Protein backbone atom coordinates (compact mmCIF):
# COMPACT_ATOMS: atom_id res chain seq x y z
CA MET A 1 92.50 105.89 131.38
CA THR A 2 91.02 104.02 128.17
CA ALA A 3 91.81 105.06 125.17
CA THR A 4 88.78 106.55 123.40
CA LEU A 5 88.02 105.21 119.50
CA SER A 6 86.50 107.54 117.42
CA ALA A 7 83.81 106.40 114.97
CA ASP A 8 85.96 106.64 111.86
CA GLY A 9 88.77 105.18 113.61
CA PHE A 10 90.83 107.09 115.73
CA PHE A 11 92.72 107.10 118.72
CA GLY A 12 92.96 110.70 119.35
CA PRO A 13 94.53 111.84 116.68
CA TYR A 14 96.15 108.54 115.68
CA GLY A 15 94.36 105.30 113.22
CA GLY A 16 92.06 106.40 110.81
CA GLN A 17 91.64 104.14 107.30
CA PHE A 18 94.30 105.42 104.74
CA VAL A 19 93.19 102.72 101.90
CA PRO A 20 92.21 102.48 98.57
CA GLU A 21 88.50 103.93 98.23
CA GLN A 22 88.21 100.10 96.47
CA LEU A 23 88.98 98.94 100.27
CA ARG A 24 86.93 101.43 102.20
CA SER A 25 83.64 99.15 101.54
CA VAL A 26 85.54 95.99 102.30
CA LEU A 27 86.83 97.42 105.72
CA SER A 28 83.12 98.40 106.66
CA GLU A 29 81.69 95.32 105.35
CA LEU A 30 84.90 93.98 108.58
CA ASP A 31 84.12 96.79 110.93
CA GLN A 32 79.73 96.17 110.52
CA ALA A 33 80.40 92.08 111.14
CA PHE A 34 82.82 92.58 114.27
CA GLN A 35 80.26 95.06 115.68
CA SER A 36 77.75 92.42 115.05
CA ALA A 37 79.82 89.42 116.54
CA LYS A 38 80.93 90.86 119.37
CA GLN A 39 76.76 90.97 120.82
CA ASP A 40 76.29 87.82 119.62
CA PRO A 41 76.13 84.93 121.91
CA GLU A 42 76.92 81.97 119.58
CA PHE A 43 79.82 83.91 118.65
CA LEU A 44 80.74 84.71 122.53
CA ARG A 45 80.46 81.12 122.79
CA ASP A 46 82.47 79.66 120.06
CA TYR A 47 85.17 82.44 120.75
CA SER A 48 85.61 81.19 124.15
CA TYR A 49 84.74 77.03 123.14
CA TYR A 50 87.94 77.30 120.97
CA LEU A 51 90.42 79.43 123.53
CA ASN A 52 89.29 77.09 126.52
CA THR A 53 89.74 73.24 124.31
CA TYR A 54 92.20 74.53 121.30
CA VAL A 55 94.37 77.32 122.85
CA GLY A 56 94.52 75.94 126.15
CA ARG A 57 93.36 78.89 128.52
CA PRO A 58 92.88 80.29 130.30
CA SER A 59 97.46 80.61 130.78
CA PRO A 60 98.86 80.79 134.26
CA ILE A 61 100.52 83.71 135.99
CA TYR A 62 104.11 82.18 137.18
CA HIS A 63 106.34 83.67 140.25
CA CYS A 64 110.19 83.68 138.80
CA ALA A 65 110.98 82.89 142.87
CA ASN A 66 114.92 82.21 141.07
CA LEU A 67 115.02 84.45 138.87
CA SER A 68 113.91 87.37 141.66
CA ARG A 69 115.81 85.72 145.05
CA ARG A 70 118.84 86.22 142.19
CA LEU A 71 118.14 89.45 141.02
CA GLY A 72 117.08 90.80 144.80
CA GLY A 73 114.35 93.63 145.46
CA ALA A 74 110.80 92.93 143.36
CA GLN A 75 108.86 89.54 143.02
CA ILE A 76 108.97 88.64 138.98
CA TYR A 77 105.59 87.20 137.96
CA LEU A 78 105.59 85.74 133.66
CA LYS A 79 102.39 85.55 132.53
CA ARG A 80 102.53 82.81 130.56
CA GLU A 81 101.21 83.10 126.90
CA ASP A 82 104.21 80.40 126.52
CA LEU A 83 102.17 77.78 126.86
CA ASN A 84 99.19 78.71 124.66
CA HIS A 85 98.66 75.83 121.98
CA LEU A 86 101.10 76.97 119.09
CA GLY A 87 103.39 78.72 121.80
CA ALA A 88 102.83 82.70 121.61
CA HIS A 89 99.76 84.93 122.31
CA LYS A 90 99.04 85.37 118.62
CA VAL A 91 96.49 82.17 118.39
CA ASN A 92 93.82 84.44 120.78
CA ASN A 93 93.25 87.05 117.67
CA THR A 94 93.96 84.40 114.76
CA ILE A 95 90.85 82.30 116.67
CA GLY A 96 88.57 85.16 117.06
CA GLN A 97 89.32 86.77 113.18
CA ILE A 98 88.96 83.14 111.88
CA LEU A 99 85.43 82.70 112.73
CA LEU A 100 85.18 86.48 111.98
CA ALA A 101 85.91 84.98 108.51
CA ARG A 102 83.62 81.95 108.53
CA ARG A 103 80.84 84.46 109.69
CA MET A 104 81.13 86.17 106.69
CA GLY A 105 81.56 83.59 104.27
CA LYS A 106 85.20 83.97 103.35
CA LYS A 107 87.12 80.87 102.48
CA LYS A 108 91.00 82.17 101.72
CA ILE A 109 93.06 83.50 104.06
CA ILE A 110 96.02 85.78 103.97
CA ALA A 111 98.51 86.62 106.45
CA GLU A 112 101.36 88.25 107.50
CA THR A 113 104.41 87.35 109.94
CA GLY A 114 107.35 88.36 110.92
CA ALA A 115 108.86 85.83 113.98
CA GLY A 116 106.54 83.38 112.05
CA GLN A 117 104.29 83.10 115.31
CA HIS A 118 101.26 84.42 113.43
CA GLY A 119 101.99 83.15 110.50
CA VAL A 120 102.03 79.00 112.17
CA ALA A 121 98.75 80.67 114.05
CA THR A 122 96.83 81.71 110.78
CA ALA A 123 97.76 78.83 109.63
CA ALA A 124 96.83 76.08 112.36
CA THR A 125 93.28 77.91 112.98
CA ALA A 126 92.73 77.95 109.06
CA ALA A 127 93.70 74.57 108.87
CA LEU A 128 91.22 73.92 111.63
CA MET A 129 88.45 75.97 109.54
CA ASP A 130 89.32 73.83 106.45
CA MET A 131 90.29 77.64 104.54
CA GLU A 132 92.92 78.29 101.94
CA CYS A 133 95.96 79.90 103.57
CA THR A 134 98.65 82.28 102.35
CA ILE A 135 101.43 83.50 104.76
CA TYR A 136 103.47 86.76 103.16
CA MET A 137 106.75 86.51 104.91
CA GLY A 138 110.13 88.36 104.23
CA GLU A 139 112.57 86.78 102.69
CA GLU A 140 115.43 87.62 105.76
CA ASP A 141 112.71 86.31 108.30
CA ILE A 142 112.25 82.98 106.23
CA ARG A 143 116.21 82.40 106.94
CA ARG A 144 115.40 83.44 110.69
CA GLN A 145 113.07 81.87 111.26
CA GLU A 146 112.54 78.72 109.50
CA LEU A 147 111.16 76.13 111.55
CA ASN A 148 107.88 78.48 112.06
CA VAL A 149 108.02 78.19 108.26
CA PHE A 150 107.82 75.05 108.02
CA ARG A 151 105.22 74.52 110.81
CA MET A 152 103.30 76.78 108.46
CA GLN A 153 103.71 74.60 104.96
CA MET A 154 102.89 71.44 107.60
CA MET A 155 99.67 72.49 107.97
CA GLY A 156 98.79 73.39 104.57
CA ALA A 157 99.54 77.06 104.52
CA THR A 158 101.52 78.70 101.31
CA VAL A 159 104.26 81.10 102.52
CA VAL A 160 105.01 83.51 99.88
CA PRO A 161 108.97 84.95 100.61
CA ALA A 162 108.94 89.22 100.39
CA THR A 163 111.68 89.92 98.80
CA SER A 164 111.96 93.94 98.51
CA GLY A 165 113.34 96.71 100.44
CA GLN A 166 115.16 94.65 104.03
CA ARG A 167 112.53 91.61 103.43
CA THR A 168 111.01 91.83 106.47
CA LEU A 169 107.98 92.35 108.54
CA LYS A 170 107.25 95.97 106.84
CA GLU A 171 107.66 94.35 103.33
CA ALA A 172 105.76 91.29 104.34
CA VAL A 173 102.74 93.71 105.18
CA ASP A 174 103.20 95.44 101.67
CA GLU A 175 102.81 91.81 99.59
CA ALA A 176 100.16 90.82 102.11
CA ILE A 177 98.14 94.00 101.42
CA ASN A 178 98.50 94.50 97.48
CA ALA A 179 97.20 90.97 97.57
CA TRP A 180 94.51 92.07 99.34
CA VAL A 181 93.23 94.79 96.98
CA LEU A 182 93.81 92.62 94.11
CA ASP A 183 91.12 89.82 95.56
CA ALA A 184 89.48 91.69 98.47
CA ASP A 185 86.08 90.59 98.03
CA ASN A 186 86.42 87.02 98.59
CA THR A 187 90.07 87.45 100.82
CA PHE A 188 90.26 87.93 104.25
CA TYR A 189 93.19 89.83 105.72
CA LEU A 190 94.21 88.27 109.10
CA LEU A 191 96.05 91.31 110.19
CA GLY A 192 98.40 90.29 113.24
CA SER A 193 99.26 93.30 114.93
CA ALA A 194 97.46 95.95 116.25
CA VAL A 195 98.34 97.80 113.17
CA GLY A 196 96.40 98.67 110.32
CA PRO A 197 93.47 100.24 109.06
CA HIS A 198 90.66 101.13 111.17
CA PRO A 199 89.20 98.69 112.28
CA TYR A 200 91.92 96.20 113.10
CA PRO A 201 93.33 98.14 115.90
CA SER A 202 90.37 98.03 117.94
CA MET A 203 89.69 94.62 116.64
CA VAL A 204 93.10 92.52 117.48
CA ARG A 205 92.95 94.98 120.61
CA HIS A 206 89.70 93.00 121.47
CA PHE A 207 90.91 89.52 120.76
CA GLN A 208 93.69 90.25 122.87
CA GLU A 209 92.03 91.11 125.65
CA ILE A 210 92.20 88.11 127.35
CA ILE A 211 95.92 88.20 128.26
CA GLY A 212 95.13 91.54 130.22
CA SER A 213 91.77 90.32 131.80
CA GLU A 214 93.12 87.23 133.23
CA ALA A 215 95.87 87.76 134.68
CA ARG A 216 94.27 91.20 136.42
CA ALA A 217 92.43 87.88 137.97
CA GLN A 218 95.47 86.00 138.20
CA ILE A 219 97.65 88.15 140.25
CA GLN A 220 94.96 89.13 142.72
CA GLU A 221 94.40 86.02 144.02
CA GLU A 222 97.92 84.94 144.07
CA ALA A 223 99.33 88.34 145.47
CA LYS A 224 96.43 89.49 146.86
CA ARG A 225 96.67 93.31 145.09
CA LEU A 226 97.36 94.81 141.53
CA PRO A 227 100.82 94.79 140.82
CA ASP A 228 103.30 97.46 140.91
CA HIS A 229 104.78 97.06 137.21
CA VAL A 230 103.59 95.74 133.99
CA ILE A 231 105.45 95.21 131.12
CA ALA A 232 105.88 93.98 127.85
CA CYS A 233 107.63 93.98 124.31
CA VAL A 234 106.71 95.86 121.10
CA GLY A 235 107.08 95.87 117.98
CA GLY A 236 103.43 96.36 116.13
CA GLY A 237 102.08 96.58 120.23
CA SER A 238 99.49 93.52 120.51
CA ASN A 239 100.69 90.83 123.45
CA ALA A 240 101.68 94.88 124.94
CA ILE A 241 98.10 95.80 124.27
CA GLY A 242 95.90 92.99 125.37
CA ILE A 243 98.28 92.57 129.32
CA PHE A 244 97.93 96.53 129.30
CA SER A 245 94.10 96.66 128.75
CA ALA A 246 93.09 95.78 131.98
CA PHE A 247 95.81 98.30 133.90
CA LEU A 248 95.09 101.09 132.16
CA ASN A 249 92.75 102.52 134.66
CA ASP A 250 94.41 101.71 137.11
CA SER A 251 96.65 104.44 137.99
CA GLU A 252 99.45 103.08 140.71
CA VAL A 253 99.88 99.97 138.39
CA VAL A 254 103.30 101.48 135.86
CA LEU A 255 103.00 100.42 132.63
CA GLU A 256 105.58 100.31 130.24
CA GLY A 257 106.86 98.91 126.41
CA VAL A 258 110.22 97.75 125.73
CA GLU A 259 110.75 98.49 122.22
CA PRO A 260 114.12 96.89 120.74
CA SER A 261 117.09 99.69 120.79
CA GLY A 262 119.18 96.99 118.40
CA ARG A 263 122.78 97.21 117.62
CA GLY A 264 122.64 101.25 118.04
CA LEU A 265 120.43 104.06 117.86
CA GLU A 266 121.45 105.02 114.35
CA CYS A 267 118.89 104.30 111.48
CA GLY A 268 118.80 100.79 110.72
CA GLU A 269 120.61 99.19 113.35
CA HIS A 270 116.82 99.91 116.05
CA ALA A 271 113.45 99.92 116.17
CA ALA A 272 112.90 102.20 118.82
CA THR A 273 109.85 103.86 117.17
CA LEU A 274 107.96 105.21 120.16
CA THR A 275 111.33 106.53 121.18
CA LEU A 276 112.66 107.87 119.15
CA GLY A 277 110.25 108.09 115.72
CA GLN A 278 107.72 110.59 114.61
CA PRO A 279 103.64 110.56 113.41
CA GLY A 280 103.21 109.73 109.66
CA THR A 281 101.06 107.35 107.88
CA MET A 282 101.81 104.04 106.63
CA HIS A 283 99.97 100.36 105.72
CA GLY A 284 96.94 102.43 106.27
CA PHE A 285 96.83 104.02 109.68
CA HIS A 286 98.33 107.44 110.86
CA SER A 287 100.71 106.73 114.28
CA TYR A 288 104.22 107.10 115.34
CA MET A 289 106.41 105.58 112.98
CA LEU A 290 110.45 105.29 112.12
CA GLN A 291 111.20 107.99 108.29
CA ASP A 292 114.09 108.80 106.90
CA ASP A 293 114.76 112.44 105.05
CA ALA A 294 112.12 111.91 102.95
CA GLY A 295 109.37 110.59 105.69
CA GLU A 296 108.94 107.32 104.02
CA PRO A 297 109.63 104.53 106.64
CA ALA A 298 113.09 104.07 107.35
CA PRO A 299 115.37 100.57 107.34
CA VAL A 300 114.56 98.99 110.74
CA TYR A 301 116.42 96.25 113.08
CA SER A 302 116.12 94.01 115.72
CA ILE A 303 117.74 90.69 116.33
CA SER A 304 114.04 89.61 117.15
CA ALA A 305 111.56 89.05 113.80
CA GLY A 306 108.43 90.20 115.38
CA LEU A 307 110.08 93.76 116.85
CA ASP A 308 111.66 94.76 113.62
CA TYR A 309 108.13 97.16 112.17
CA PRO A 310 108.66 100.83 111.46
CA SER A 311 105.52 102.20 112.87
CA VAL A 312 103.30 101.00 115.62
CA GLY A 313 99.63 100.52 116.78
CA PRO A 314 97.58 103.61 117.29
CA GLU A 315 96.67 102.81 120.77
CA HIS A 316 100.14 103.17 121.87
CA SER A 317 101.21 106.45 120.42
CA PHE A 318 97.83 107.75 122.01
CA LEU A 319 99.12 106.47 125.58
CA LYS A 320 102.56 107.25 124.39
CA ASP A 321 101.00 111.12 124.34
CA ALA A 322 98.72 111.01 127.27
CA GLY A 323 101.94 109.43 129.48
CA ARG A 324 99.78 106.55 130.27
CA VAL A 325 102.16 103.97 129.40
CA SER A 326 105.97 104.93 129.08
CA TYR A 327 107.72 103.12 126.54
CA VAL A 328 111.91 102.09 126.95
CA MET A 329 114.46 100.30 125.28
CA ALA A 330 116.09 97.14 125.41
CA SER A 331 119.27 96.31 123.03
CA ASP A 332 119.68 93.15 121.18
CA LYS A 333 122.53 92.04 124.15
CA GLN A 334 120.09 93.08 127.35
CA ALA A 335 117.63 90.55 125.03
CA LEU A 336 119.95 87.93 124.70
CA ASP A 337 121.34 88.39 128.38
CA ALA A 338 117.72 88.50 129.19
CA PHE A 339 116.85 85.15 127.39
CA PHE A 340 119.53 83.35 128.86
CA MET A 341 119.30 84.24 132.61
CA LEU A 342 115.08 83.23 132.59
CA SER A 343 116.99 79.91 130.58
CA LYS A 344 118.79 78.93 133.32
CA THR A 345 117.16 80.27 136.58
CA GLU A 346 113.92 79.17 135.58
CA GLY A 347 114.02 76.59 132.96
CA ILE A 348 112.35 78.67 130.62
CA ILE A 349 112.91 79.63 128.06
CA PRO A 350 111.40 82.84 126.31
CA ALA A 351 110.72 84.04 122.59
CA LEU A 352 113.38 86.75 122.02
CA GLU A 353 110.31 89.62 121.96
CA SER A 354 109.74 88.61 124.99
CA SER A 355 113.21 88.55 126.10
CA HIS A 356 113.16 92.89 125.33
CA ALA A 357 110.56 92.77 128.46
CA LEU A 358 112.52 90.50 130.82
CA ALA A 359 115.35 92.40 129.84
CA ARG A 360 113.33 95.41 131.91
CA ALA A 361 111.91 93.52 134.84
CA ILE A 362 115.91 92.15 135.40
CA GLU A 363 116.68 95.97 135.03
CA LEU A 364 114.13 97.01 137.24
CA ALA A 365 114.17 94.58 139.93
CA PRO A 366 116.91 95.20 142.12
CA SER A 367 116.12 99.20 142.31
CA GLN A 368 112.65 98.27 144.22
CA SER A 369 111.77 96.81 147.65
CA PRO A 370 111.12 92.95 148.07
CA GLU A 371 107.28 93.41 148.31
CA ALA A 372 107.21 95.10 144.99
CA LEU A 373 105.58 93.12 141.57
CA ILE A 374 106.69 93.54 138.38
CA LEU A 375 104.29 91.33 135.88
CA VAL A 376 105.65 90.70 132.36
CA ASN A 377 103.96 89.38 129.48
CA LEU A 378 106.62 86.74 128.31
CA SER A 379 104.40 86.64 124.98
CA GLY A 380 105.88 83.30 123.68
CA ARG A 381 108.59 80.77 123.73
CA GLY A 382 111.53 80.69 122.34
CA ASP A 383 111.25 77.59 120.57
CA LYS A 384 111.20 78.94 117.30
CA ASP A 385 114.85 81.13 118.12
CA VAL A 386 117.24 78.67 119.84
CA ALA A 387 118.76 77.83 116.36
CA GLU A 388 119.39 81.73 115.35
CA VAL A 389 120.36 82.59 119.06
CA LYS A 390 123.11 79.49 118.78
CA HIS A 391 124.17 80.76 115.30
CA ILE A 392 124.74 84.10 116.98
CA VAL A 393 126.48 82.89 119.99
CA GLU A 394 128.99 80.74 117.81
CA GLN A 395 130.03 83.88 115.63
CA GLY A 396 130.99 85.49 119.36
CA GLY A 397 127.71 86.75 121.12
CA CYS A 398 126.09 90.18 119.99
CA ALA A 399 126.94 93.65 120.55
CA GLY A 400 124.42 95.99 122.36
């Protein structure tokens, strides 16, 4: 079951363009350029060239034999997006969008970032294409991801702290959109997740579909069949929609998105948008959203800086309502336990975002037969999180 995108950018009731009038023409120009680029053999050759030679694709799948044996039950496989250049799935999208910006004649790039991986990927690809780059990042996330901030600056990007509200991802998006509105004719907004006004959700999905298409072929070659479960973490939802895209029409494959239940289910202690939210509109699109009593975006929290966003990509909302994807939760503690378990059993340090998906696989595997296959999208590596995890452990761990 594939979600159908309407001409005006809706997946069922979700998506759309809820933006100031002056941005509508900019988004229309972007959509036209994207639709044209998708059909242009030269653009496709350039995209494939950079994915292969710059990103290092294809990324492999890996059988976690030690972890599977320790847990009992299902065999756990990882789609190793952590092995991409820069350490996450984000660069798949920034390569595509930076080539689109070049095609459109744009010279200035702006972006938002939470965990910093999208910011690093944007800074790197802007350097690659010799473009001016400004990254907006919440002040709290700058503290949590100091190494990634320095990496962005090393590659020539200006990092601007967002100091309002909770000083995390939502506020970074607010600041980036405000800057875009002020200079939309000259600036390309390189959005990092499958959120935002049309055409961004479908465009980001398109550039992340490479994850799913590779994984589907690789697991069939390795295991001679499709997986029983495909699991990915969900914040905005780009890595998840990327891997899910290849399996949506395979009804026998169970798809699960994992959101952060954080420290608990009280407002401000989690970011479980699809599990606990209601439809609402923010950042130019309509989707599930965590809301306060006034209907405004509610405070959110996650141990992982890339998952603390109060909304989610509109295609995920459609897939939830359609029943094709199940959305579940993992706590800070479960994610941290998974972080250490994969490190100790396989010598692979996962990003805290990816650790939420891994936590669900660890929970699920013992209840399955040894012939069952679980494929987890390991969306990023955990180098960026080691200092924060060390701090948490020294403070006595985390409740979850």
